[in-house]
Protein backbone atom coordinates (compact mmCIF):
# COMPACT_ATOMS: atom_id res chain seq x y z
CA MET A 1 259.36 -36.77 75.15
CA MET A 2 261.38 -35.37 72.24
CA ILE A 3 259.53 -34.44 69.00
CA THR A 4 261.03 -34.58 65.95
CA CYS A 5 259.25 -32.04 63.39
CA SER A 6 259.82 -34.61 60.20
CA LYS A 7 257.73 -33.44 57.26
CA THR A 8 255.21 -36.53 57.84
CA PHE A 9 254.89 -34.74 61.44
CA ILE A 10 254.08 -31.34 60.22
CA MET A 11 251.82 -32.73 57.63
CA ALA A 12 249.72 -34.61 60.71
CA LEU A 13 249.63 -31.24 62.64
CA LYS A 14 247.99 -29.35 59.90
CA ASP A 15 245.79 -31.96 58.90
CA ALA A 16 244.84 -32.03 62.72
CA LEU A 17 244.24 -28.56 62.86
CA ASN A 18 242.43 -28.30 59.41
CA VAL A 19 239.79 -30.04 61.07
CA VAL A 20 239.18 -28.11 64.23
CA ASP A 21 240.25 -24.84 62.70
CA GLY A 22 237.61 -22.19 63.06
CA LYS A 23 236.21 -19.78 65.91
CA TRP A 24 233.20 -22.57 66.81
CA LYS A 25 234.33 -25.96 65.99
CA LEU A 26 236.03 -26.67 69.27
CA ALA A 27 233.01 -25.65 71.21
CA ILE A 28 230.84 -27.36 68.81
CA ILE A 29 232.78 -30.73 70.00
CA CYS A 30 232.56 -30.23 73.07
CA VAL A 31 228.88 -29.84 73.43
CA LEU A 32 228.59 -33.11 71.54
CA LEU A 33 231.20 -34.86 73.96
CA ASN A 34 228.12 -34.64 76.50
CA GLY A 35 226.15 -36.80 73.87
CA LYS A 36 223.42 -36.17 70.94
CA ARG A 37 222.38 -33.12 70.65
CA ARG A 38 219.87 -31.44 68.01
CA PHE A 39 221.05 -28.33 65.85
CA SER A 40 218.84 -25.92 68.65
CA ASP A 41 220.45 -27.64 71.68
CA ILE A 42 223.87 -27.22 70.42
CA GLN A 43 223.00 -23.32 69.51
CA LYS A 44 221.99 -22.75 72.67
CA GLY A 45 225.33 -24.85 74.47
CA ILE A 46 227.30 -22.23 72.73
CA PRO A 47 227.09 -18.17 73.69
CA ASP A 48 226.95 -16.12 71.01
CA ILE A 49 226.76 -18.31 67.89
CA SER A 50 224.46 -17.42 65.13
CA PRO A 51 222.57 -20.28 63.34
CA ARG A 52 224.50 -19.47 60.14
CA MET A 53 227.61 -20.52 62.06
CA VAL A 54 225.98 -23.41 63.37
CA SER A 55 225.20 -24.81 60.35
CA LYS A 56 228.54 -24.29 58.43
CA GLU A 57 230.61 -25.58 61.00
CA LEU A 58 228.05 -28.74 60.98
CA LYS A 59 229.01 -28.98 57.66
CA GLU A 60 232.15 -28.78 57.77
CA LEU A 61 232.77 -31.07 61.00
CA GLU A 62 230.56 -34.00 58.83
CA MET A 63 232.74 -33.32 55.74
CA ASN A 64 235.40 -34.07 58.23
CA GLY A 65 234.28 -37.39 59.56
CA VAL A 66 234.37 -35.68 63.03
CA ILE A 67 230.29 -35.80 63.69
CA VAL A 68 227.79 -37.54 61.71
CA ARG A 69 224.42 -36.08 61.34
CA LYS A 70 221.00 -38.59 62.00
CA VAL A 71 217.67 -38.00 60.55
CA THR A 72 215.04 -40.10 61.85
CA ASP A 73 211.75 -40.65 60.00
CA SER A 74 209.02 -39.19 62.35
CA ILE A 75 207.02 -36.29 62.60
CA PRO A 76 208.18 -33.69 62.92
CA VAL A 77 211.40 -34.87 61.44
CA LEU A 78 214.06 -35.37 64.25
CA ILE A 79 217.80 -34.35 63.43
CA GLU A 80 220.54 -35.04 65.46
CA TYR A 81 224.20 -34.58 65.85
CA GLU A 82 227.06 -37.28 67.29
CA LEU A 83 230.34 -37.78 67.22
CA THR A 84 232.41 -40.12 64.81
CA SER A 85 234.70 -42.44 66.78
CA SER A 86 237.17 -40.18 65.39
CA GLY A 87 235.38 -37.32 66.78
CA GLU A 88 235.10 -38.89 70.17
CA GLY A 89 239.16 -39.24 69.93
CA LEU A 90 239.27 -35.51 70.56
CA ARG A 91 238.20 -35.82 74.34
CA GLU A 92 241.58 -36.18 75.47
CA VAL A 93 243.08 -33.51 73.05
CA ILE A 94 240.52 -31.08 74.26
CA THR A 95 241.03 -31.91 77.86
CA LYS A 96 244.52 -31.56 77.68
CA MET A 97 243.91 -27.77 75.89
CA VAL A 98 241.50 -26.91 78.79
CA GLU A 99 244.25 -28.05 81.25
CA TRP A 100 247.13 -26.10 79.61
CA GLY A 101 244.73 -22.97 79.07
CA ILE A 102 243.71 -22.28 82.70
CA ALA A 103 247.31 -23.06 84.03
CA HIS A 104 248.49 -20.69 80.71
CA ARG A 105 245.80 -18.14 82.18
CA GLU A 106 247.03 -18.37 85.97
CA GLU A 107 250.93 -17.67 84.98
CA THR A 108 250.10 -14.96 82.49
CA VAL A 109 248.07 -13.12 85.31
CA LYS A 110 250.66 -13.71 87.48
CA ALA A 111 253.31 -12.73 85.57
CA LEU A 112 251.36 -9.03 84.71
CA THR A 113 250.35 -8.82 88.31
CA LYS A 114 253.89 -9.09 89.27
CA GLU A 115 254.83 -6.51 86.46
CA ILE A 116 252.57 -3.99 87.58
CA GLY A 117 253.45 -4.45 91.45
CA VAL A 118 249.92 -5.49 92.38
């Protein structure tokens, strides 16, 4: 498939990257690919993320229409986050990125191993 890097193509790519840019956004989306989650569940699902970063990234993802925050009026109040249909559309993209990442890592390790003669 030939890709033409027109102005529209580049703008769309920049828009997509702007939405998922950051150290934690894709990880949060991955957690939410398994369904609704509470704040604490999201934090537990991602090693080394601080509550402050979870909050910041969730707000940005919500602002960009990737997730929705649902508040259930109960005692105590239940707040859950889930992907929008737009967020769910990232499932294929993330799967392809993971597949590429695994293959790339294997190729890199092979090349390094060959280079140092192991």
